[in-house]
Amino acid sequence: MLIPASVQIHTWPLRRFLVDDGIGRDQLFRRLAETLSALYLTGTDEKPRVDGVLARKKGLGF
């Protein structure tokens, strides 16, 4: 488990990480997130979180 179930993911720190710090433009970040999404089974705690990060990244225009 990479992200504990008790952790709340808020959009402001995610936006800061992806946009302001420039991580969202890095192709390695995208590939890592897509690979993790493909590896996690449906129903695990991590899968919706990784998919949420990918969806938010697309919503920010990356």
C-alpha atoms as a PDB file:
ATOM      1  CA  MET A   1       0.000   0.000   0.000  1.00  0.00           C
ATOM      2  CA  LEU A   2       1.567   3.252  -1.111  1.00  0.00           C
ATOM      3  CA  ILE A   3      -1.093   5.670   0.120  1.00  0.00           C
ATOM      4  CA  PRO A   4      -2.685   4.871   3.489  1.00  0.00           C
ATOM      5  CA  ALA A   5      -6.485   4.802   3.465  1.00  0.00           C
ATOM      6  CA  SER A   6      -6.544   7.440   6.210  1.00  0.00           C
ATOM      7  CA  VAL A   7      -4.824  10.018   3.978  1.00  0.00           C
ATOM      8  CA  GLN A   8      -7.115  12.582   2.377  1.00  0.00           C
ATOM      9  CA  ILE A   9      -5.945  13.846  -1.010  1.00  0.00           C
ATOM     10  CA  HIS A  10      -6.731  17.534  -1.375  1.00  0.00           C
ATOM     11  CA  THR A  11      -6.572  19.313  -4.706  1.00  0.00           C
ATOM     12  CA  TRP A  12      -4.400  22.286  -3.681  1.00  0.00           C
ATOM     13  CA  PRO A  13      -1.263  20.283  -2.752  1.00  0.00           C
ATOM     14  CA  LEU A  14      -1.785  18.113  -5.829  1.00  0.00           C
ATOM     15  CA  ARG A  15      -2.092  21.175  -8.065  1.00  0.00           C
ATOM     16  CA  ARG A  16       1.027  22.680  -6.493  1.00  0.00           C
ATOM     17  CA  PHE A  17       2.927  19.429  -7.051  1.00  0.00           C
ATOM     18  CA  LEU A  18       1.782  18.960 -10.655  1.00  0.00           C
ATOM     19  CA  VAL A  19       1.648  22.551 -11.910  1.00  0.00           C
ATOM     20  CA  ASP A  20       3.803  24.838  -9.793  1.00  0.00           C
ATOM     21  CA  ASP A  21       6.632  22.359  -9.271  1.00  0.00           C
ATOM     22  CA  GLY A  22       6.392  21.200 -12.891  1.00  0.00           C
ATOM     23  CA  ILE A  23       6.156  17.492 -12.141  1.00  0.00           C
ATOM     24  CA  GLY A  24       3.040  17.185 -14.315  1.00  0.00           C
ATOM     25  CA  ARG A  25       5.071  17.970 -17.422  1.00  0.00           C
ATOM     26  CA  ASP A  26       7.520  15.144 -16.778  1.00  0.00           C
ATOM     27  CA  GLN A  27       6.852  12.119 -18.995  1.00  0.00           C
ATOM     28  CA  LEU A  28       8.315   9.804 -16.346  1.00  0.00           C
ATOM     29  CA  PHE A  29       5.597  10.890 -13.904  1.00  0.00           C
ATOM     30  CA  ARG A  30       2.876  10.098 -16.441  1.00  0.00           C
ATOM     31  CA  ARG A  31       4.384   6.716 -17.287  1.00  0.00           C
ATOM     32  CA  LEU A  32       4.784   5.809 -13.608  1.00  0.00           C
ATOM     33  CA  ALA A  33       1.190   6.771 -12.808  1.00  0.00           C
ATOM     34  CA  GLU A  34      -0.178   4.844 -15.809  1.00  0.00           C
ATOM     35  CA  THR A  35       1.907   1.789 -14.904  1.00  0.00           C
ATOM     36  CA  LEU A  36       0.743   1.861 -11.284  1.00  0.00           C
ATOM     37  CA  SER A  37      -2.857   2.233 -12.441  1.00  0.00           C
ATOM     38  CA  ALA A  38      -2.492  -0.804 -14.701  1.00  0.00           C
ATOM     39  CA  LEU A  39      -0.859  -2.906 -11.968  1.00  0.00           C
ATOM     40  CA  TYR A  40      -3.319  -2.173  -9.157  1.00  0.00           C
ATOM     41  CA  LEU A  41      -6.345  -4.439  -9.129  1.00  0.00           C
ATOM     42  CA  THR A  42      -9.843  -2.996  -9.115  1.00  0.00           C
ATOM     43  CA  GLY A  43     -11.059  -2.791  -5.544  1.00  0.00           C
ATOM     44  CA  THR A  44      -7.719  -1.952  -3.951  1.00  0.00           C
ATOM     45  CA  ASP A  45      -7.320   1.243  -1.934  1.00  0.00           C
ATOM     46  CA  GLU A  46      -4.587   2.608  -4.212  1.00  0.00           C
ATOM     47  CA  LYS A  47      -6.259   2.205  -7.619  1.00  0.00           C
ATOM     48  CA  PRO A  48      -8.832   5.038  -7.220  1.00  0.00           C
ATOM     49  CA  ARG A  49      -6.162   7.341  -5.821  1.00  0.00           C
ATOM     50  CA  VAL A  50      -3.754   6.772  -8.708  1.00  0.00           C
ATOM     51  CA  ASP A  51      -6.602   7.083 -11.215  1.00  0.00           C
ATOM     52  CA  GLY A  52      -7.682  10.286  -9.487  1.00  0.00           C
ATOM     53  CA  VAL A  53      -4.208  11.766  -9.858  1.00  0.00           C
ATOM     54  CA  LEU A  54      -4.239  10.862 -13.571  1.00  0.00           C
ATOM     55  CA  ALA A  55      -7.703  12.390 -14.022  1.00  0.00           C
ATOM     56  CA  ARG A  56      -6.714  15.568 -12.185  1.00  0.00           C
ATOM     57  CA  LYS A  57      -3.554  15.799 -14.270  1.00  0.00           C
ATOM     58  CA  LYS A  58      -5.631  15.653 -17.471  1.00  0.00           C
ATOM     59  CA  GLY A  59      -8.006  18.260 -16.036  1.00  0.00           C
ATOM     60  CA  LEU A  60      -5.074  20.619 -15.530  1.00  0.00           C
ATOM     61  CA  GLY A  61      -4.191  20.343 -19.207  1.00  0.00           C
ATOM     62  CA  PHE A  62      -1.206  17.997 -19.148  1.00  0.00           C
END
